[in-house]
Structures are given as C-alpha cells and as structure tokens.
C-alpha atoms as a PDB file:
ATOM      1  CA  MET A   1       0.000   0.000   0.000  1.00  0.00           C
ATOM      2  CA  LYS A   2       2.879   2.340   0.754  1.00  0.00           C
ATOM      3  CA  ARG A   3       4.349   1.886  -2.739  1.00  0.00           C
ATOM      4  CA  ILE A   4       0.974   2.458  -4.389  1.00  0.00           C
ATOM      5  CA  TRP A   5       0.517   5.622  -2.311  1.00  0.00           C
ATOM      6  CA  ARG A   6       3.942   6.943  -3.313  1.00  0.00           C
ATOM      7  CA  VAL A   7       3.369   6.205  -7.036  1.00  0.00           C
ATOM      8  CA  GLY A   8       0.042   8.043  -6.843  1.00  0.00           C
ATOM      9  CA  LEU A   9       1.718  11.046  -5.255  1.00  0.00           C
ATOM     10  CA  ILE A  10       4.445  11.087  -7.925  1.00  0.00           C
ATOM     11  CA  MET A  11       1.890  10.921 -10.760  1.00  0.00           C
ATOM     12  CA  ALA A  12      -0.083  13.781  -9.186  1.00  0.00           C
ATOM     13  CA  LEU A  13       3.082  15.846  -9.028  1.00  0.00           C
ATOM     14  CA  ILE A  14       3.893  15.048 -12.682  1.00  0.00           C
ATOM     15  CA  ALA A  15       0.453  16.285 -13.749  1.00  0.00           C
ATOM     16  CA  THR A  16       0.990  19.442 -11.715  1.00  0.00           C
ATOM     17  CA  VAL A  17       4.390  20.057 -13.332  1.00  0.00           C
ATOM     18  CA  LEU A  18       2.950  19.627 -16.847  1.00  0.00           C
ATOM     19  CA  ALA A  19       0.173  22.091 -16.076  1.00  0.00           C
ATOM     20  CA  ALA A  20       2.765  24.569 -14.901  1.00  0.00           C
ATOM     21  CA  GLY A  21       4.984  24.165 -17.991  1.00  0.00           C
ATOM     22  CA  CYS A  22       3.236  27.074 -19.671  1.00  0.00           C
ATOM     23  CA  ALA A  23       4.822  29.644 -17.335  1.00  0.00           C
ATOM     24  CA  LYS A  24       7.502  32.035 -18.594  1.00  0.00           C
ATOM     25  CA  ALA A  25      11.154  31.000 -18.254  1.00  0.00           C
ATOM     26  CA  SER A  26      11.988  33.885 -15.912  1.00  0.00           C
ATOM     27  CA  GLU A  27       9.077  33.085 -13.646  1.00  0.00           C
ATOM     28  CA  SER A  28      10.141  29.447 -13.734  1.00  0.00           C
ATOM     29  CA  ALA A  29      13.612  30.339 -12.485  1.00  0.00           C
ATOM     30  CA  SER A  30      12.274  32.492  -9.646  1.00  0.00           C
ATOM     31  CA  VAL A  31       9.979  29.758  -8.356  1.00  0.00           C
ATOM     32  CA  GLU A  32      12.305  26.822  -8.918  1.00  0.00           C
ATOM     33  CA  ALA A  33      14.454  27.492  -5.847  1.00  0.00           C
ATOM     34  CA  PRO A  34      11.712  27.291  -3.225  1.00  0.00           C
ATOM     35  CA  GLN A  35      10.225  24.311  -4.987  1.00  0.00           C
ATOM     36  CA  LYS A  36      13.461  22.365  -4.848  1.00  0.00           C
ATOM     37  CA  GLU A  37      13.748  23.381  -1.206  1.00  0.00           C
ATOM     38  CA  SER A  38      10.367  21.798  -0.595  1.00  0.00           C
ATOM     39  CA  TRP A  39      11.557  18.592  -2.305  1.00  0.00           C
ATOM     40  CA  ALA A  40      14.432  18.433   0.099  1.00  0.00           C
ATOM     41  CA  GLN A  41      12.137  18.682   3.120  1.00  0.00           C
ATOM     42  CA  PRO A  42      12.073  15.356   4.913  1.00  0.00           C
ATOM     43  CA  ALA A  43       8.520  16.002   6.101  1.00  0.00           C
ATOM     44  CA  GLY A  44       5.555  13.777   5.159  1.00  0.00           C
ATOM     45  CA  GLN A  45       4.761  13.032   1.524  1.00  0.00           C
ATOM     46  CA  ALA A  46       1.317  14.644   1.782  1.00  0.00           C
ATOM     47  CA  ASP A  47       2.743  18.007   2.920  1.00  0.00           C
ATOM     48  CA  TYR A  48       5.365  17.834   0.171  1.00  0.00           C
ATOM     49  CA  VAL A  49       2.805  17.316  -2.627  1.00  0.00           C
ATOM     50  CA  GLU A  50       0.449  19.943  -1.186  1.00  0.00           C
ATOM     51  CA  GLU A  51       3.203  22.573  -1.139  1.00  0.00           C
ATOM     52  CA  ALA A  52       4.257  21.713  -4.716  1.00  0.00           C
ATOM     53  CA  VAL A  53       0.659  21.994  -5.902  1.00  0.00           C
ATOM     54  CA  MET A  54       0.309  25.446  -4.307  1.00  0.00           C
ATOM     55  CA  VAL A  55       3.511  26.680  -5.964  1.00  0.00           C
ATOM     56  CA  GLU A  56       2.570  25.326  -9.386  1.00  0.00           C
ATOM     57  CA  SER A  57      -0.962  26.751  -9.063  1.00  0.00           C
ATOM     58  CA  GLU A  58       0.512  30.223  -8.681  1.00  0.00           C
ATOM     59  CA  ARG A  59       2.612  29.680 -11.798  1.00  0.00           C
ATOM     60  CA  GLU A  60      -0.401  28.418 -13.717  1.00  0.00           C
ATOM     61  CA  ALA A  61      -2.301  31.580 -12.769  1.00  0.00           C
ATOM     62  CA  ASP A  62       0.454  33.640 -14.404  1.00  0.00           C
ATOM     63  CA  MET A  63       0.407  31.471 -17.541  1.00  0.00           C
ATOM     64  CA  GLY A  64      -2.196  33.575 -19.331  1.00  0.00           C
ATOM     65  CA  VAL A  65      -0.205  36.762 -18.875  1.00  0.00           C
ATOM     66  CA  GLY A  66       2.975  35.115 -20.145  1.00  0.00           C
ATOM     67  CA  SER A  67       1.312  33.666 -23.242  1.00  0.00           C
ATOM     68  CA  ALA A  68      -0.407  36.967 -24.040  1.00  0.00           C
ATOM     69  CA  SER A  69       2.850  38.880 -23.773  1.00  0.00           C
ATOM     70  CA  MET A  70       4.530  36.403 -26.086  1.00  0.00           C
ATOM     71  CA  THR A  71       1.907  36.597 -28.789  1.00  0.00           C
ATOM     72  CA  SER A  72       1.830  40.391 -28.645  1.00  0.00           C
ATOM     73  CA  SER A  73       5.541  41.231 -28.381  1.00  0.00           C
ATOM     74  CA  ASN A  74       7.355  38.257 -29.949  1.00  0.00           C
ATOM     75  CA  VAL A  75       5.209  37.674 -33.038  1.00  0.00           C
ATOM     76  CA  PRO A  76       7.515  37.138 -36.052  1.00  0.00           C
ATOM     77  CA  ASP A  77       6.973  38.710 -39.454  1.00  0.00           C
ATOM     78  CA  ARG A  78       3.926  37.387 -41.256  1.00  0.00           C
ATOM     79  CA  MET A  79       4.651  33.890 -42.557  1.00  0.00           C
ATOM     80  CA  ILE A  80       2.914  33.509 -45.916  1.00  0.00           C
ATOM     81  CA  VAL A  81       3.162  30.338 -48.000  1.00  0.00           C
ATOM     82  CA  ARG A  82       2.944  31.671 -51.567  1.00  0.00           C
ATOM     83  CA  THR A  83       1.867  29.620 -54.593  1.00  0.00           C
ATOM     84  CA  VAL A  84       1.777  30.834 -58.215  1.00  0.00           C
ATOM     85  CA  GLN A  85       0.119  29.230 -61.259  1.00  0.00           C
ATOM     86  CA  MET A  86       1.413  30.456 -64.635  1.00  0.00           C
ATOM     87  CA  SER A  87       0.828  29.417 -68.255  1.00  0.00           C
ATOM     88  CA  VAL A  88       3.057  30.901 -70.970  1.00  0.00           C
ATOM     89  CA  VAL A  89       3.558  30.724 -74.735  1.00  0.00           C
ATOM     90  CA  VAL A  90       7.164  30.526 -75.946  1.00  0.00           C
ATOM     91  CA  GLU A  91       9.122  30.224 -79.169  1.00  0.00           C
ATOM     92  CA  ASP A  92      10.993  27.088 -78.092  1.00  0.00           C
ATOM     93  CA  THR A  93       9.910  24.883 -75.199  1.00  0.00           C
ATOM     94  CA  ASP A  94      13.340  23.327 -74.636  1.00  0.00           C
ATOM     95  CA  VAL A  95      15.025  26.726 -74.522  1.00  0.00           C
ATOM     96  CA  MET A  96      12.468  27.896 -71.960  1.00  0.00           C
ATOM     97  CA  LEU A  97      13.092  24.828 -69.808  1.00  0.00           C
ATOM     98  CA  SER A  98      16.816  25.576 -69.807  1.00  0.00           C
ATOM     99  CA  GLN A  99      16.135  29.181 -68.807  1.00  0.00           C
ATOM    100  CA  VAL A 100      13.893  28.058 -65.937  1.00  0.00           C
ATOM    101  CA  GLN A 101      16.564  25.698 -64.602  1.00  0.00           C
ATOM    102  CA  ALA A 102      19.210  28.421 -64.804  1.00  0.00           C
ATOM    103  CA  LEU A 103      16.885  30.917 -63.090  1.00  0.00           C
ATOM    104  CA  VAL A 104      16.156  28.541 -60.222  1.00  0.00           C
ATOM    105  CA  ALA A 105      19.832  27.693 -59.732  1.00  0.00           C
ATOM    106  CA  THR A 106      20.789  31.382 -59.719  1.00  0.00           C
ATOM    107  CA  HIS A 107      18.352  32.267 -56.934  1.00  0.00           C
ATOM    108  CA  GLY A 108      18.996  29.230 -54.749  1.00  0.00           C
ATOM    109  CA  GLY A 109      15.827  27.275 -55.535  1.00  0.00           C
ATOM    110  CA  TYR A 110      15.266  23.874 -57.068  1.00  0.00           C
ATOM    111  CA  VAL A 111      13.060  22.035 -59.579  1.00  0.00           C
ATOM    112  CA  ALA A 112      10.498  19.957 -57.677  1.00  0.00           C
ATOM    113  CA  ALA A 113       8.882  18.301 -60.724  1.00  0.00           C
ATOM    114  CA  SER A 114       9.207  18.451 -64.509  1.00  0.00           C
ATOM    115  CA  ASN A 115       7.339  16.876 -67.425  1.00  0.00           C
ATOM    116  CA  ARG A 116       7.888  17.228 -71.191  1.00  0.00           C
ATOM    117  CA  TRP A 117       5.858  15.658 -74.002  1.00  0.00           C
ATOM    118  CA  LEU A 118       5.283  15.909 -77.743  1.00  0.00           C
ATOM    119  CA  SER A 119       2.040  16.746 -79.496  1.00  0.00           C
ATOM    120  CA  GLY A 120       2.605  16.252 -83.173  1.00  0.00           C
ATOM    121  CA  GLU A 121       6.011  17.780 -83.841  1.00  0.00           C
ATOM    122  CA  GLN A 122       5.839  20.398 -81.072  1.00  0.00           C
ATOM    123  CA  ALA A 123       7.073  20.030 -77.492  1.00  0.00           C
ATOM    124  CA  TYR A 124       5.034  20.976 -74.419  1.00  0.00           C
ATOM    125  CA  ALA A 125       6.163  21.012 -70.785  1.00  0.00           C
ATOM    126  CA  SER A 126       5.049  21.566 -67.215  1.00  0.00           C
ATOM    127  CA  VAL A 127       7.461  22.289 -64.384  1.00  0.00           C
ATOM    128  CA  THR A 128       7.121  22.961 -60.651  1.00  0.00           C
ATOM    129  CA  VAL A 129       9.890  24.960 -58.992  1.00  0.00           C
ATOM    130  CA  ARG A 130      10.604  26.216 -55.472  1.00  0.00           C
ATOM    131  CA  ILE A 131      12.103  29.717 -55.297  1.00  0.00           C
ATOM    132  CA  PRO A 132      13.055  31.814 -52.239  1.00  0.00           C
ATOM    133  CA  ALA A 133      10.031  33.942 -51.368  1.00  0.00           C
ATOM    134  CA  ASP A 134      12.028  37.174 -51.410  1.00  0.00           C
ATOM    135  CA  LYS A 135      13.111  36.411 -55.008  1.00  0.00           C
ATOM    136  CA  LEU A 136       9.676  35.386 -56.286  1.00  0.00           C
ATOM    137  CA  ASP A 137       8.649  38.699 -57.876  1.00  0.00           C
ATOM    138  CA  LEU A 138      12.019  38.989 -59.609  1.00  0.00           C
ATOM    139  CA  ALA A 139      11.780  35.421 -60.934  1.00  0.00           C
ATOM    140  CA  LEU A 140       8.236  35.966 -62.214  1.00  0.00           C
ATOM    141  CA  GLY A 141       9.419  39.054 -64.089  1.00  0.00           C
ATOM    142  CA  VAL A 142      12.165  37.020 -65.768  1.00  0.00           C
ATOM    143  CA  LEU A 143       9.657  34.337 -66.803  1.00  0.00           C
ATOM    144  CA  ARG A 144       7.333  36.952 -68.294  1.00  0.00           C
ATOM    145  CA  ASP A 145      10.166  38.546 -70.259  1.00  0.00           C
ATOM    146  CA  ALA A 146      11.294  35.156 -71.605  1.00  0.00           C
ATOM    147  CA  SER A 147       7.794  34.349 -72.910  1.00  0.00           C
ATOM    148  CA  ILE A 148       5.927  35.554 -75.969  1.00  0.00           C
ATOM    149  CA  SER A 149       2.778  35.943 -73.886  1.00  0.00           C
ATOM    150  CA  VAL A 150       1.350  34.959 -70.509  1.00  0.00           C
ATOM    151  CA  GLU A 151      -1.956  33.173 -71.019  1.00  0.00           C
ATOM    152  CA  ASN A 152      -2.789  32.776 -67.344  1.00  0.00           C
ATOM    153  CA  GLU A 153      -1.278  33.830 -64.021  1.00  0.00           C
ATOM    154  CA  SER A 154      -2.746  33.442 -60.546  1.00  0.00           C
ATOM    155  CA  SER A 155      -1.253  33.535 -57.067  1.00  0.00           C
ATOM    156  CA  SER A 156      -2.400  32.594 -53.584  1.00  0.00           C
ATOM    157  CA  GLY A 157      -1.015  32.939 -50.071  1.00  0.00           C
ATOM    158  CA  ASP A 158      -1.632  30.857 -46.965  1.00  0.00           C
ATOM    159  CA  ASP A 159      -0.953  32.739 -43.717  1.00  0.00           C
ATOM    160  CA  VAL A 160       0.569  30.284 -41.211  1.00  0.00           C
ATOM    161  CA  THR A 161       1.710  32.905 -38.693  1.00  0.00           C
ATOM    162  CA  GLU A 162      -0.883  31.995 -36.082  1.00  0.00           C
ATOM    163  CA  GLU A 163      -0.060  28.294 -36.273  1.00  0.00           C
ATOM    164  CA  TYR A 164       3.670  29.034 -36.064  1.00  0.00           C
ATOM    165  CA  VAL A 165       3.249  31.237 -32.967  1.00  0.00           C
ATOM    166  CA  ASP A 166       1.027  28.620 -31.344  1.00  0.00           C
ATOM    167  CA  ILE A 167       3.607  25.895 -31.984  1.00  0.00           C
ATOM    168  CA  SER A 168       6.391  28.091 -30.590  1.00  0.00           C
ATOM    169  CA  ALA A 169       4.414  28.705 -27.398  1.00  0.00           C
ATOM    170  CA  ARG A 170       3.613  25.022 -27.002  1.00  0.00           C
ATOM    171  CA  LEU A 171       7.260  24.117 -27.537  1.00  0.00           C
ATOM    172  CA  LYS A 172       8.353  26.582 -24.866  1.00  0.00           C
ATOM    173  CA  ASN A 173       5.834  25.190 -22.423  1.00  0.00           C
ATOM    174  CA  LEU A 174       6.711  21.561 -23.119  1.00  0.00           C
ATOM    175  CA  GLU A 175      10.437  22.228 -22.826  1.00  0.00           C
ATOM    176  CA  ALA A 176       9.861  24.003 -19.504  1.00  0.00           C
ATOM    177  CA  ALA A 177       7.823  21.026 -18.304  1.00  0.00           C
ATOM    178  CA  GLU A 178      10.598  18.709 -19.460  1.00  0.00           C
ATOM    179  CA  GLU A 179      13.146  20.628 -17.388  1.00  0.00           C
ATOM    180  CA  GLU A 180      10.887  20.395 -14.343  1.00  0.00           C
ATOM    181  CA  LEU A 181      10.489  16.642 -14.798  1.00  0.00           C
ATOM    182  CA  LEU A 182      14.237  16.189 -15.210  1.00  0.00           C
ATOM    183  CA  ALA A 183      14.790  18.091 -11.976  1.00  0.00           C
ATOM    184  CA  LEU A 184      12.126  15.981 -10.295  1.00  0.00           C
ATOM    185  CA  LEU A 185      13.734  12.781 -11.592  1.00  0.00           C
ATOM    186  CA  THR A 186      17.115  13.883 -10.246  1.00  0.00           C
ATOM    187  CA  GLU A 187      15.615  14.657  -6.848  1.00  0.00           C
ATOM    188  CA  VAL A 188      13.803  11.312  -6.666  1.00  0.00           C
ATOM    189  CA  ARG A 189      17.008   9.447  -7.514  1.00  0.00           C
ATOM    190  CA  LYS A 190      18.935  11.548  -4.999  1.00  0.00           C
ATOM    191  CA  ASN A 191      16.460  10.628  -2.272  1.00  0.00           C
ATOM    192  CA  ARG A 192      16.635   6.984  -3.400  1.00  0.00           C
ATOM    193  CA  GLY A 193      13.040   6.814  -4.520  1.00  0.00           C
ATOM    194  CA  SER A 194      11.480   3.527  -5.568  1.00  0.00           C
ATOM    195  CA  ALA A 195      11.850   2.070  -9.056  1.00  0.00           C
ATOM    196  CA  GLU A 196       8.142   2.683  -9.690  1.00  0.00           C
ATOM    197  CA  ASP A 197       8.565   6.400  -9.012  1.00  0.00           C
ATOM    198  CA  VAL A 198      11.571   6.687 -11.324  1.00  0.00           C
ATOM    199  CA  LEU A 199       9.848   4.685 -14.079  1.00  0.00           C
ATOM    200  CA  ALA A 200       6.684   6.818 -13.927  1.00  0.00           C
ATOM    201  CA  ILE A 201       8.672  10.044 -14.357  1.00  0.00           C
ATOM    202  CA  TYR A 202      10.886   8.522 -17.053  1.00  0.00           C
ATOM    203  CA  ASN A 203       7.904   7.339 -19.130  1.00  0.00           C
ATOM    204  CA  ARG A 204       6.352  10.785 -18.971  1.00  0.00           C
ATOM    205  CA  LEU A 205       9.644  12.316 -20.092  1.00  0.00           C
ATOM    206  CA  ILE A 206       9.628  10.040 -23.141  1.00  0.00           C
ATOM    207  CA  GLU A 207       6.096  11.177 -24.029  1.00  0.00           C
ATOM    208  CA  LEU A 208       7.096  14.823 -23.648  1.00  0.00           C
ATOM    209  CA  ARG A 209      10.168  14.369 -25.838  1.00  0.00           C
ATOM    210  CA  ALA A 210       8.030  12.771 -28.592  1.00  0.00           C
ATOM    211  CA  GLN A 211       5.610  15.725 -28.502  1.00  0.00           C
ATOM    212  CA  ILE A 212       8.500  18.204 -28.614  1.00  0.00           C
ATOM    213  CA  GLU A 213      10.112  16.492 -31.622  1.00  0.00           C
ATOM    214  CA  SER A 214       6.777  16.378 -33.465  1.00  0.00           C
ATOM    215  CA  LEU A 215       6.170  20.095 -32.902  1.00  0.00           C
ATOM    216  CA  LYS A 216       9.722  20.954 -33.958  1.00  0.00           C
ATOM    217  CA  GLY A 217       9.226  19.012 -37.189  1.00  0.00           C
ATOM    218  CA  ARG A 218       6.030  20.914 -37.946  1.00  0.00           C
ATOM    219  CA  GLN A 219       7.734  24.199 -37.074  1.00  0.00           C
ATOM    220  CA  GLN A 220      10.605  23.501 -39.478  1.00  0.00           C
ATOM    221  CA  TYR A 221       8.134  22.541 -42.204  1.00  0.00           C
ATOM    222  CA  LEU A 222       6.286  25.854 -41.824  1.00  0.00           C
ATOM    223  CA  GLU A 223       9.556  27.782 -41.902  1.00  0.00           C
ATOM    224  CA  LYS A 224      10.684  26.076 -45.122  1.00  0.00           C
ATOM    225  CA  SER A 225       7.260  26.414 -46.742  1.00  0.00           C
ATOM    226  CA  ALA A 226       7.182  30.147 -46.035  1.00  0.00           C
ATOM    227  CA  ALA A 227      10.803  30.632 -47.093  1.00  0.00           C
ATOM    228  CA  LEU A 228      10.324  28.938 -50.496  1.00  0.00           C
ATOM    229  CA  ALA A 229       7.470  29.919 -52.815  1.00  0.00           C
ATOM    230  CA  THR A 230       6.023  27.378 -55.265  1.00  0.00           C
ATOM    231  CA  VAL A 231       5.593  28.137 -58.976  1.00  0.00           C
ATOM    232  CA  HIS A 232       3.628  25.776 -61.252  1.00  0.00           C
ATOM    233  CA  LEU A 233       4.585  26.673 -64.833  1.00  0.00           C
ATOM    234  CA  GLU A 234       2.844  25.417 -67.983  1.00  0.00           C
ATOM    235  CA  ILE A 235       4.850  25.926 -71.196  1.00  0.00           C
ATOM    236  CA  ARG A 236       3.189  25.876 -74.628  1.00  0.00           C
ATOM    237  CA  PRO A 237       4.980  26.530 -77.925  1.00  0.00           C
ATOM    238  CA  LYS A 238       3.805  29.101 -80.431  1.00  0.00           C
ATOM    239  CA  GLN A 239       1.503  27.555 -83.001  1.00  0.00           C
ATOM    240  CA  GLN A 240       3.134  27.280 -86.420  1.00  0.00           C
ATOM    241  CA  PRO A 241       1.002  28.476 -89.384  1.00  0.00           C
ATOM    242  CA  GLY A 242      -0.397  25.635 -91.485  1.00  0.00           C
ATOM    243  CA  THR A 243       0.936  25.000 -95.001  1.00  0.00           C
ATOM    244  CA  ILE A 244      -1.455  26.192 -97.750  1.00  0.00           C
ATOM    245  CA  VAL A 245      -1.850  23.556-100.465  1.00  0.00           C
ATOM    246  CA  GLN A 246      -2.013  25.106-103.931  1.00  0.00           C
ATOM    247  CA  PRO A 247      -4.421  23.380-106.382  1.00  0.00           C
ATOM    248  CA  ALA A 248      -2.633  21.465-109.147  1.00  0.00           C
ATOM    249  CA  LYS A 249      -2.815  22.864-112.677  1.00  0.00           C
ATOM    250  CA  TRP A 250      -4.814  20.925-115.301  1.00  0.00           C
ATOM    251  CA  ASN A 251      -2.672  18.736-117.533  1.00  0.00           C
ATOM    252  CA  PRO A 252      -4.386  16.767-120.337  1.00  0.00           C
ATOM    253  CA  LEU A 253      -1.505  14.333-120.601  1.00  0.00           C
ATOM    254  CA  VAL A 254      -1.806  13.505-116.924  1.00  0.00           C
ATOM    255  CA  THR A 255      -5.575  13.054-117.310  1.00  0.00           C
ATOM    256  CA  ALA A 256      -5.104  10.742-120.325  1.00  0.00           C
ATOM    257  CA  SER A 257      -2.490   8.772-118.441  1.00  0.00           C
ATOM    258  CA  ASN A 258      -4.821   8.360-115.472  1.00  0.00           C
ATOM    259  CA  ALA A 259      -7.692   7.262-117.761  1.00  0.00           C
ATOM    260  CA  LEU A 260      -5.475   4.721-119.541  1.00  0.00           C
ATOM    261  CA  ARG A 261      -4.281   3.383-116.218  1.00  0.00           C
ATOM    262  CA  ALA A 262      -7.903   2.997-115.044  1.00  0.00           C
ATOM    263  CA  PHE A 263      -8.839   1.187-118.323  1.00  0.00           C
ATOM    264  CA  VAL A 264      -5.950  -1.239-117.949  1.00  0.00           C
ATOM    265  CA  GLU A 265      -6.915  -1.917-114.347  1.00  0.00           C
ATOM    266  CA  LEU A 266     -10.523  -2.616-115.459  1.00  0.00           C
ATOM    267  CA  LEU A 267      -9.322  -5.076-118.140  1.00  0.00           C
ATOM    268  CA  GLN A 268      -7.177  -6.781-115.558  1.00  0.00           C
ATOM    269  CA  ILE A 269     -10.189  -7.202-113.302  1.00  0.00           C
ATOM    270  CA  LEU A 270     -12.324  -8.657-116.140  1.00  0.00           C
ATOM    271  CA  LEU A 271      -9.584 -11.073-117.150  1.00  0.00           C
ATOM    272  CA  ASP A 272      -9.190 -12.167-113.564  1.00  0.00           C
ATOM    273  CA  VAL A 273     -12.929 -12.891-113.340  1.00  0.00           C
ATOM    274  CA  LEU A 274     -12.821 -14.883-116.612  1.00  0.00           C
ATOM    275  CA  ILE A 275      -9.886 -16.941-115.419  1.00  0.00           C
ATOM    276  CA  TRP A 276     -11.697 -17.765-112.200  1.00  0.00           C
ATOM    277  CA  LEU A 277     -14.802 -18.846-114.152  1.00  0.00           C
ATOM    278  CA  LEU A 278     -12.791 -21.125-116.454  1.00  0.00           C
ATOM    279  CA  VAL A 279     -11.052 -22.766-113.548  1.00  0.00           C
ATOM    280  CA  LEU A 280     -14.266 -23.261-111.591  1.00  0.00           C
ATOM    281  CA  SER A 281     -16.496 -24.173-114.584  1.00  0.00           C
ATOM    282  CA  PRO A 282     -16.298 -27.991-114.079  1.00  0.00           C
ATOM    283  CA  VAL A 283     -17.368 -27.609-110.507  1.00  0.00           C
ATOM    284  CA  ILE A 284     -20.197 -25.259-111.483  1.00  0.00           C
ATOM    285  CA  LEU A 285     -21.376 -26.838-114.809  1.00  0.00           C
ATOM    286  CA  ILE A 286     -21.678 -30.477-113.680  1.00  0.00           C
ATOM    287  CA  PRO A 287     -24.129 -29.805-110.832  1.00  0.00           C
ATOM    288  CA  ALA A 288     -25.985 -27.347-113.065  1.00  0.00           C
ATOM    289  CA  LEU A 289     -26.308 -30.007-115.821  1.00  0.00           C
ATOM    290  CA  VAL A 290     -27.629 -32.612-113.376  1.00  0.00           C
ATOM    291  CA  ILE A 291     -30.205 -30.178-112.039  1.00  0.00           C
ATOM    292  CA  TRP A 292     -31.279 -29.256-115.594  1.00  0.00           C
ATOM    293  CA  LEU A 293     -31.758 -32.928-116.572  1.00  0.00           C
ATOM    294  CA  ILE A 294     -33.844 -33.610-113.473  1.00  0.00           C
ATOM    295  CA  VAL A 295     -36.058 -30.619-114.114  1.00  0.00           C
ATOM    296  CA  ARG A 296     -36.482 -31.620-117.773  1.00  0.00           C
ATOM    297  CA  ALA A 297     -37.483 -35.174-116.881  1.00  0.00           C
ATOM    298  CA  ILE A 298     -40.056 -33.904-114.419  1.00  0.00           C
ATOM    299  CA  LYS A 299     -41.565 -31.592-117.037  1.00  0.00           C
ATOM    300  CA  ARG A 300     -41.816 -34.439-119.628  1.00  0.00           C
ATOM    301  CA  ARG A 301     -43.542 -36.706-117.171  1.00  0.00           C
ATOM    302  CA  ARG A 302     -46.084 -34.042-116.328  1.00  0.00           C
ATOM    303  CA  ALA A 303     -46.663 -33.363-120.047  1.00  0.00           C
ATOM    304  CA  GLY A 304     -47.302 -37.115-120.738  1.00  0.00           C
ATOM    305  CA  GLN A 305     -49.742 -37.342-117.880  1.00  0.00           C
ATOM    306  CA  SER A 306     -51.634 -34.324-119.190  1.00  0.00           C
ATOM    307  CA  ALA A 307     -51.911 -35.805-122.715  1.00  0.00           C
ATOM    308  CA  SER A 308     -53.329 -39.115-121.464  1.00  0.00           C
END
C-alpha cells in the first residue's frame, strides 16, 4: 500500500508540473528554488505534494499573462506560404526549360517536378519549382520577359503565422515542463526513490520528448514552406502556321495517263474474273447439268400425264 501511495503522489506531481509548464522561463527560475527546497524537506509526503501543488498553481495563474505577452511582443513577421500558377507561350519549349533551370539555380531554388511531351512535332512542358520567397517577384518578371505571352497567371497565399506562434508557445511550455520533470527525476534518484517512481517520471519524459520532436518538425516545415514559394509553370509553344496547299494545274496528258491506267486496271479485273470462271467451270457446270436434266425429266412426265 505504501508503494501504491507513493506512485500516486508522484503521478499527481507530474500532472501538476505539466500544467505549470506554460509559465515564462523567468518566472520558472524564480519559483524553482523554493520548490526544490520543498523537495528536500524530509517532512511527510502529503505536505510535500500539497506545497508543490500550491507553488505550481501560482505559476499556472500567471500562464495567461505570459502567453499573451509572447503573442503580442514576440510575433515574427507574417509567414505567408505563396503559390503561383502560370501558363506561358514561348518560341521554343526546350530553350524555356533551360532558362527556368538556370533561373532557379541562380536564386537558390530547385526544380520539384518536370514533365515534357510531344504533341505532333511540337514540345510541351510543365514544371514545378521552389524559389526563395524574397526572389519570387524577380523570378516571375524574368519568366514573363522570356515568354511571348502569358496566357494565365494566378497567385495565392496561406498565412501560417498563427499556427507558427502557437507551436512556438507550445514548444516553450513543453520544454519548460521537461526541465521540471528532469529536476524531479534527479531529486527522486537523490532521495533513493522507488523504481516505480523513477519509471513513472521517465515514461512521462519520453512522451514529452516525442511531442517536442513532433512540434519541432512541424515548425521547421512551416519555416521552409514560407521561405520557399512554389511556382507551377505550364509551357506551350507558339503555333506554327499551317501550309497552304495550292491546287494542281490541269494537264491533259496527266488526265489521259490516269484514264489509260484505269482502263488497264478494269481489263485486268475482267480477265481475272474470266480466269476464275474457267477454272471453276467444271465444278459449277456439272451440278448445273444434273439439275437441268432432273427438271427436264419432271416436265416431260407431267406433259405425258396431261396428254393421257
């Protein structure tokens, strides 16, 4: 029962520390000394937890003021994730692709995706590039100048400032809570606490570290997304004028030659039919002769019967 009671007290203290992690760092430093002093008190466990709860409650009451001051005074510049859609007409698609690659390399960006295909004898392409946001307007101007015309251009911006500030505040709070738990773990080990107490604090530290790493990953993603604008570029070549076919001049010799050729082809067809008939005549004539004889015999018999 004593071990269960001590584990319960430790878990209650962990929850209190996590709730207090949202306090400012300066306020955390000013309160940390008396708190550690209370940990060192050899008095009863109940008095120890009660005193820690009172201290952390005061810090939690100041949490709102600290968060408000952060969001009002430490807000970074607006973080806008910019995306541009552009469709252009060019003289040569391959030349334009080379210019886009050179432009991106010059300004420290990169080609995220590229596709080129043929329609007839003309080449088309689509390319997605990432360009530093502060160089976007300059890069768009270069693309316009390198094109014959811009058929379509649209841009959009996603403001992620609020999410970024929220993540920063949560990171600060979680890291402060992590420091408190580390201090608590050190104190428990120093006082030779039970293995259950140490394990409970250690498991909570692992959970906190996972949350911190996840938030840091999201924070880095937002920073990179805002730092690099995305341009989706469609490239279409200039349509070549169709070839006008001039009508051929009348030539009687050509007409006579065509007529003679058609006559010869007709004779060839007739001769082919005649040859086929001669070859197949035994097969066709013998059955036809048998049928004719049968029909003739039937007619004679009917004529004799009519005469009698």
